């Protein structure tokens, strides 16, 4: 389970989302999430409909660095 903190661009709500397993394929510019991003107010969102918060950036960096070990 990997919870990442996002901000919805539609309703501006900040929320944590369980994305399951997160991988970092070398051929993609973005991480790949096992589960979809779901805003509590707006429902399922694409990666383009959310922003990573500062906390979310730290969380994702920590997951990425631990995947390199």
PDB file of N, CA and C in Angstrom:
ATOM      1  N   UNK A   1       0.842  -1.176   0.000  1.00  0.00           N
ATOM      2  CA  UNK A   1       0.000   0.000   0.000  1.00  0.00           C
ATOM      3  C   UNK A   1       0.887   1.240   0.000  1.00  0.00           C
ATOM      4  N   UNK A   2       0.624   2.129  -0.922  1.00  0.00           N
ATOM      5  CA  UNK A   2       1.374   3.382  -1.006  1.00  0.00           C
ATOM      6  C   UNK A   2       0.394   4.545  -1.051  1.00  0.00           C
ATOM      7  N   UNK A   3       0.358   5.312   0.018  1.00  0.00           N
ATOM      8  CA  UNK A   3      -0.508   6.486   0.045  1.00  0.00           C
ATOM      9  C   UNK A   3       0.275   7.711  -0.373  1.00  0.00           C
ATOM     10  N   UNK A   4      -0.279   8.442  -1.326  1.00  0.00           N
ATOM     11  CA  UNK A   4       0.348   9.659  -1.826  1.00  0.00           C
ATOM     12  C   UNK A   4      -0.642  10.808  -1.651  1.00  0.00           C
ATOM     13  N   UNK A   5      -0.137  11.973  -1.279  1.00  0.00           N
ATOM     14  CA  UNK A   5      -0.944  13.154  -1.047  1.00  0.00           C
ATOM     15  C   UNK A   5      -1.071  13.965  -2.333  1.00  0.00           C
ATOM     16  N   UNK A   6      -2.303  14.205  -2.771  1.00  0.00           N
ATOM     17  CA  UNK A   6      -2.594  14.939  -4.002  1.00  0.00           C
ATOM     18  C   UNK A   6      -3.488  16.138  -3.727  1.00  0.00           C
ATOM     19  N   UNK A   7      -3.560  17.039  -4.714  1.00  0.00           N
ATOM     20  CA  UNK A   7      -4.536  18.127  -4.725  1.00  0.00           C
ATOM     21  C   UNK A   7      -5.313  18.009  -6.027  1.00  0.00           C
ATOM     22  N   UNK A   8      -6.635  17.912  -5.926  1.00  0.00           N
ATOM     23  CA  UNK A   8      -7.503  17.802  -7.092  1.00  0.00           C
ATOM     24  C   UNK A   8      -7.583  19.172  -7.779  1.00  0.00           C
ATOM     25  N   UNK A   9      -7.363  19.203  -9.078  1.00  0.00           N
ATOM     26  CA  UNK A   9      -7.434  20.460  -9.832  1.00  0.00           C
ATOM     27  C   UNK A   9      -8.877  20.901 -10.065  1.00  0.00           C
ATOM     28  N   UNK A  10      -9.830  19.970  -9.949  1.00  0.00           N
ATOM     29  CA  UNK A  10     -11.244  20.310 -10.158  1.00  0.00           C
ATOM     30  C   UNK A  10     -11.837  21.021  -8.947  1.00  0.00           C
ATOM     31  N   UNK A  11     -11.731  20.378  -7.770  1.00  0.00           N
ATOM     32  CA  UNK A  11     -12.376  20.922  -6.568  1.00  0.00           C
ATOM     33  C   UNK A  11     -11.377  21.520  -5.575  1.00  0.00           C
ATOM     34  N   UNK A  12     -10.086  21.395  -5.860  1.00  0.00           N
ATOM     35  CA  UNK A  12      -8.996  21.937  -5.036  1.00  0.00           C
ATOM     36  C   UNK A  12      -8.837  21.235  -3.686  1.00  0.00           C
ATOM     37  N   UNK A  13      -9.476  20.080  -3.514  1.00  0.00           N
ATOM     38  CA  UNK A  13      -9.365  19.332  -2.263  1.00  0.00           C
ATOM     39  C   UNK A  13      -8.007  18.633  -2.178  1.00  0.00           C
ATOM     40  N   UNK A  14      -7.405  18.649  -1.013  1.00  0.00           N
ATOM     41  CA  UNK A  14      -6.169  17.915  -0.753  1.00  0.00           C
ATOM     42  C   UNK A  14      -6.560  16.599  -0.086  1.00  0.00           C
ATOM     43  N   UNK A  15      -6.009  15.488  -0.595  1.00  0.00           N
ATOM     44  CA  UNK A  15      -6.403  14.172  -0.084  1.00  0.00           C
ATOM     45  C   UNK A  15      -5.274  13.168  -0.245  1.00  0.00           C
ATOM     46  N   UNK A  16      -5.330  12.100   0.547  1.00  0.00           N
ATOM     47  CA  UNK A  16      -4.420  10.970   0.415  1.00  0.00           C
ATOM     48  C   UNK A  16      -5.108   9.905  -0.411  1.00  0.00           C
ATOM     49  N   UNK A  17      -4.345   9.260  -1.264  1.00  0.00           N
ATOM     50  CA  UNK A  17      -4.904   8.213  -2.115  1.00  0.00           C
ATOM     51  C   UNK A  17      -4.007   6.990  -2.082  1.00  0.00           C
ATOM     52  N   UNK A  18      -4.603   5.823  -1.826  1.00  0.00           N
ATOM     53  CA  UNK A  18      -3.872   4.556  -1.851  1.00  0.00           C
ATOM     54  C   UNK A  18      -3.714   4.142  -3.312  1.00  0.00           C
ATOM     55  N   UNK A  19      -2.485   4.103  -3.787  1.00  0.00           N
ATOM     56  CA  UNK A  19      -2.218   3.779  -5.191  1.00  0.00           C
ATOM     57  C   UNK A  19      -1.703   2.363  -5.382  1.00  0.00           C
ATOM     58  N   UNK A  20      -1.620   1.592  -4.305  1.00  0.00           N
ATOM     59  CA  UNK A  20      -1.109   0.233  -4.420  1.00  0.00           C
ATOM     60  C   UNK A  20       0.382   0.264  -4.729  1.00  0.00           C
ATOM     61  N   UNK A  21       0.821  -0.643  -5.564  1.00  0.00           N
ATOM     62  CA  UNK A  21       2.229  -0.711  -5.937  1.00  0.00           C
ATOM     63  C   UNK A  21       2.547   0.398  -6.945  1.00  0.00           C
ATOM     64  N   UNK A  22       3.661   1.072  -6.733  1.00  0.00           N
ATOM     65  CA  UNK A  22       4.106   2.129  -7.639  1.00  0.00           C
ATOM     66  C   UNK A  22       5.409   1.682  -8.274  1.00  0.00           C
ATOM     67  N   UNK A  23       5.465   1.737  -9.602  1.00  0.00           N
ATOM     68  CA  UNK A  23       6.699   1.381 -10.307  1.00  0.00           C
ATOM     69  C   UNK A  23       7.179   2.575 -11.125  1.00  0.00           C
ATOM     70  N   UNK A  24       8.431   2.534 -11.496  1.00  0.00           N
ATOM     71  CA  UNK A  24       9.058   3.633 -12.228  1.00  0.00           C
ATOM     72  C   UNK A  24       9.710   3.088 -13.500  1.00  0.00           C
ATOM     73  N   UNK A  25       8.878   2.777 -14.525  1.00  0.00           N
ATOM     74  CA  UNK A  25       9.432   2.239 -15.768  1.00  0.00           C
ATOM     75  C   UNK A  25      10.393   3.248 -16.421  1.00  0.00           C
ATOM     76  N   UNK A  26      11.566   2.797 -16.846  1.00  0.00           N
ATOM     77  CA  UNK A  26      12.552   3.714 -17.420  1.00  0.00           C
ATOM     78  C   UNK A  26      12.094   4.368 -18.728  1.00  0.00           C
ATOM     79  N   UNK A  27      11.159   3.737 -19.428  1.00  0.00           N
ATOM     80  CA  UNK A  27      10.697   4.281 -20.712  1.00  0.00           C
ATOM     81  C   UNK A  27       9.560   5.295 -20.560  1.00  0.00           C
ATOM     82  N   UNK A  28       9.065   5.498 -19.338  1.00  0.00           N
ATOM     83  CA  UNK A  28       7.989   6.458 -19.096  1.00  0.00           C
ATOM     84  C   UNK A  28       8.509   7.634 -18.271  1.00  0.00           C
ATOM     85  N   UNK A  29       7.937   8.800 -18.487  1.00  0.00           N
ATOM     86  CA  UNK A  29       8.338   9.986 -17.736  1.00  0.00           C
ATOM     87  C   UNK A  29       7.661  10.044 -16.367  1.00  0.00           C
ATOM     88  N   UNK A  30       6.597   9.282 -16.195  1.00  0.00           N
ATOM     89  CA  UNK A  30       5.816   9.317 -14.953  1.00  0.00           C
ATOM     90  C   UNK A  30       5.797   7.944 -14.303  1.00  0.00           C
ATOM     91  N   UNK A  31       5.577   7.921 -12.995  1.00  0.00           N
ATOM     92  CA  UNK A  31       5.445   6.620 -12.332  1.00  0.00           C
ATOM     93  C   UNK A  31       4.158   5.926 -12.763  1.00  0.00           C
ATOM     94  N   UNK A  32       4.153   4.617 -12.606  1.00  0.00           N
ATOM     95  CA  UNK A  32       2.971   3.815 -12.951  1.00  0.00           C
ATOM     96  C   UNK A  32       2.339   3.339 -11.649  1.00  0.00           C
ATOM     97  N   UNK A  33       1.030   3.586 -11.519  1.00  0.00           N
ATOM     98  CA  UNK A  33       0.300   3.232 -10.301  1.00  0.00           C
ATOM     99  C   UNK A  33      -0.541   1.980 -10.528  1.00  0.00           C
ATOM    100  N   UNK A  34      -0.564   1.098  -9.527  1.00  0.00           N
ATOM    101  CA  UNK A  34      -1.381  -0.118  -9.596  1.00  0.00           C
ATOM    102  C   UNK A  34      -2.874   0.227  -9.564  1.00  0.00           C
ATOM    103  N   UNK A  35      -3.231   1.217  -8.735  1.00  0.00           N
ATOM    104  CA  UNK A  35      -4.635   1.612  -8.579  1.00  0.00           C
ATOM    105  C   UNK A  35      -4.848   3.010  -9.152  1.00  0.00           C
ATOM    106  N   UNK A  36      -6.102   3.346  -9.386  1.00  0.00           N
ATOM    107  CA  UNK A  36      -6.438   4.660  -9.930  1.00  0.00           C
ATOM    108  C   UNK A  36      -6.446   5.723  -8.836  1.00  0.00           C
ATOM    109  N   UNK A  37      -6.260   6.972  -9.269  1.00  0.00           N
ATOM    110  CA  UNK A  37      -6.337   8.108  -8.352  1.00  0.00           C
ATOM    111  C   UNK A  37      -7.815   8.444  -8.183  1.00  0.00           C
ATOM    112  N   UNK A  38      -8.274   8.494  -6.921  1.00  0.00           N
ATOM    113  CA  UNK A  38      -9.691   8.756  -6.657  1.00  0.00           C
ATOM    114  C   UNK A  38      -9.820   9.898  -5.653  1.00  0.00           C
ATOM    115  N   UNK A  39     -10.401  11.002  -6.107  1.00  0.00           N
ATOM    116  CA  UNK A  39     -10.702  12.136  -5.236  1.00  0.00           C
ATOM    117  C   UNK A  39     -11.990  11.809  -4.472  1.00  0.00           C
ATOM    118  N   UNK A  40     -12.028  12.069  -3.161  1.00  0.00           N
ATOM    119  CA  UNK A  40     -13.245  11.801  -2.390  1.00  0.00           C
ATOM    120  C   UNK A  40     -14.474  12.555  -2.895  1.00  0.00           C
ATOM    121  N   UNK A  41     -14.278  13.728  -3.506  1.00  0.00           N
ATOM    122  CA  UNK A  41     -15.406  14.516  -4.016  1.00  0.00           C
ATOM    123  C   UNK A  41     -15.714  14.233  -5.482  1.00  0.00           C
ATOM    124  N   UNK A  42     -14.666  14.144  -6.324  1.00  0.00           N
ATOM    125  CA  UNK A  42     -14.850  14.080  -7.783  1.00  0.00           C
ATOM    126  C   UNK A  42     -14.788  12.673  -8.361  1.00  0.00           C
ATOM    127  N   UNK A  43     -14.301  11.721  -7.594  1.00  0.00           N
ATOM    128  CA  UNK A  43     -14.191  10.354  -8.104  1.00  0.00           C
ATOM    129  C   UNK A  43     -12.868  10.119  -8.811  1.00  0.00           C
ATOM    130  N   UNK A  44     -12.858   9.187  -9.770  1.00  0.00           N
ATOM    131  CA  UNK A  44     -11.635   8.807 -10.471  1.00  0.00           C
ATOM    132  C   UNK A  44     -11.086   9.979 -11.275  1.00  0.00           C
ATOM    133  N   UNK A  45      -9.755  10.140 -11.188  1.00  0.00           N
ATOM    134  CA  UNK A  45      -9.088  11.229 -11.884  1.00  0.00           C
ATOM    135  C   UNK A  45      -7.872  10.697 -12.643  1.00  0.00           C
ATOM    136  N   UNK A  46      -7.503  11.394 -13.700  1.00  0.00           N
ATOM    137  CA  UNK A  46      -6.268  11.060 -14.407  1.00  0.00           C
ATOM    138  C   UNK A  46      -5.117  11.790 -13.737  1.00  0.00           C
ATOM    139  N   UNK A  47      -3.912  11.415 -14.072  1.00  0.00           N
ATOM    140  CA  UNK A  47      -2.733  12.063 -13.490  1.00  0.00           C
ATOM    141  C   UNK A  47      -2.693  13.553 -13.845  1.00  0.00           C
ATOM    142  N   UNK A  48      -3.311  13.936 -14.961  1.00  0.00           N
ATOM    143  CA  UNK A  48      -3.336  15.337 -15.383  1.00  0.00           C
ATOM    144  C   UNK A  48      -4.360  16.169 -14.616  1.00  0.00           C
ATOM    145  N   UNK A  49      -5.230  15.524 -13.852  1.00  0.00           N
ATOM    146  CA  UNK A  49      -6.274  16.228 -13.111  1.00  0.00           C
ATOM    147  C   UNK A  49      -5.917  16.454 -11.649  1.00  0.00           C
ATOM    148  N   UNK A  50      -4.699  16.064 -11.274  1.00  0.00           N
ATOM    149  CA  UNK A  50      -4.237  16.248  -9.900  1.00  0.00           C
ATOM    150  C   UNK A  50      -2.845  16.861  -9.894  1.00  0.00           C
ATOM    151  N   UNK A  51      -2.493  17.422  -8.745  1.00  0.00           N
ATOM    152  CA  UNK A  51      -1.139  17.911  -8.510  1.00  0.00           C
ATOM    153  C   UNK A  51      -0.591  17.184  -7.295  1.00  0.00           C
ATOM    154  N   UNK A  52       0.698  16.906  -7.313  1.00  0.00           N
ATOM    155  CA  UNK A  52       1.342  16.386  -6.114  1.00  0.00           C
ATOM    156  C   UNK A  52       1.540  17.549  -5.150  1.00  0.00           C
ATOM    157  N   UNK A  53       1.193  17.350  -3.901  1.00  0.00           N
ATOM    158  CA  UNK A  53       1.489  18.357  -2.885  1.00  0.00           C
ATOM    159  C   UNK A  53       2.968  18.211  -2.508  1.00  0.00           C
ATOM    160  N   UNK A  54       3.477  19.102  -1.681  1.00  0.00           N
ATOM    161  CA  UNK A  54       4.859  18.966  -1.207  1.00  0.00           C
ATOM    162  C   UNK A  54       5.033  17.646  -0.471  1.00  0.00           C
ATOM    163  N   UNK A  55       4.038  17.292   0.342  1.00  0.00           N
ATOM    164  CA  UNK A  55       4.084  16.013   1.048  1.00  0.00           C
ATOM    165  C   UNK A  55       4.085  14.858   0.047  1.00  0.00           C
ATOM    166  N   UNK A  56       3.233  14.946  -0.970  1.00  0.00           N
ATOM    167  CA  UNK A  56       3.162  13.905  -1.998  1.00  0.00           C
ATOM    168  C   UNK A  56       4.473  13.741  -2.743  1.00  0.00           C
ATOM    169  N   UNK A  57       5.157  14.845  -3.013  1.00  0.00           N
ATOM    170  CA  UNK A  57       6.459  14.783  -3.682  1.00  0.00           C
ATOM    171  C   UNK A  57       7.468  14.047  -2.814  1.00  0.00           C
ATOM    172  N   UNK A  58       7.451  14.345  -1.515  1.00  0.00           N
ATOM    173  CA  UNK A  58       8.355  13.665  -0.583  1.00  0.00           C
ATOM    174  C   UNK A  58       8.037  12.175  -0.504  1.00  0.00           C
ATOM    175  N   UNK A  59       6.747  11.850  -0.444  1.00  0.00           N
ATOM    176  CA  UNK A  59       6.330  10.449  -0.366  1.00  0.00           C
ATOM    177  C   UNK A  59       6.774   9.678  -1.615  1.00  0.00           C
ATOM    178  N   UNK A  60       6.565  10.276  -2.785  1.00  0.00           N
ATOM    179  CA  UNK A  60       6.925   9.616  -4.037  1.00  0.00           C
ATOM    180  C   UNK A  60       8.440   9.475  -4.171  1.00  0.00           C
ATOM    181  N   UNK A  61       9.177  10.483  -3.740  1.00  0.00           N
ATOM    182  CA  UNK A  61      10.644  10.417  -3.772  1.00  0.00           C
ATOM    183  C   UNK A  61      11.147   9.294  -2.875  1.00  0.00           C
ATOM    184  N   UNK A  62      10.563   9.175  -1.682  1.00  0.00           N
ATOM    185  CA  UNK A  62      10.963   8.121  -0.752  1.00  0.00           C
ATOM    186  C   UNK A  62      10.700   6.730  -1.354  1.00  0.00           C
ATOM    187  N   UNK A  63       9.551   6.559  -2.003  1.00  0.00           N
ATOM    188  CA  UNK A  63       9.227   5.273  -2.637  1.00  0.00           C
ATOM    189  C   UNK A  63      10.193   4.990  -3.778  1.00  0.00           C
ATOM    190  N   UNK A  64      10.489   6.013  -4.569  1.00  0.00           N
ATOM    191  CA  UNK A  64      11.414   5.841  -5.700  1.00  0.00           C
ATOM    192  C   UNK A  64      12.814   5.455  -5.209  1.00  0.00           C
ATOM    193  N   UNK A  65      13.313   6.151  -4.202  1.00  0.00           N
ATOM    194  CA  UNK A  65      14.643   5.849  -3.699  1.00  0.00           C
ATOM    195  C   UNK A  65      14.726   4.449  -3.096  1.00  0.00           C
ATOM    196  N   UNK A  66      13.657   4.017  -2.416  1.00  0.00           N
ATOM    197  CA  UNK A  66      13.668   2.671  -1.833  1.00  0.00           C
ATOM    198  C   UNK A  66      13.571   1.594  -2.913  1.00  0.00           C
ATOM    199  N   UNK A  67      13.010   1.942  -4.079  1.00  0.00           N
ATOM    200  CA  UNK A  67      12.918   0.969  -5.176  1.00  0.00           C
ATOM    201  C   UNK A  67      14.263   0.779  -5.873  1.00  0.00           C
ATOM    202  N   UNK A  68      15.203   1.697  -5.657  1.00  0.00           N
ATOM    203  CA  UNK A  68      16.517   1.614  -6.290  1.00  0.00           C
ATOM    204  C   UNK A  68      17.473   0.701  -5.528  1.00  0.00           C
ATOM    205  N   UNK A  69      17.113   0.340  -4.299  1.00  0.00           N
ATOM    206  CA  UNK A  69      17.996  -0.497  -3.456  1.00  0.00           C
ATOM    207  C   UNK A  69      18.048  -1.905  -3.961  1.00  0.00           C
TER     208      UNK A  69
END
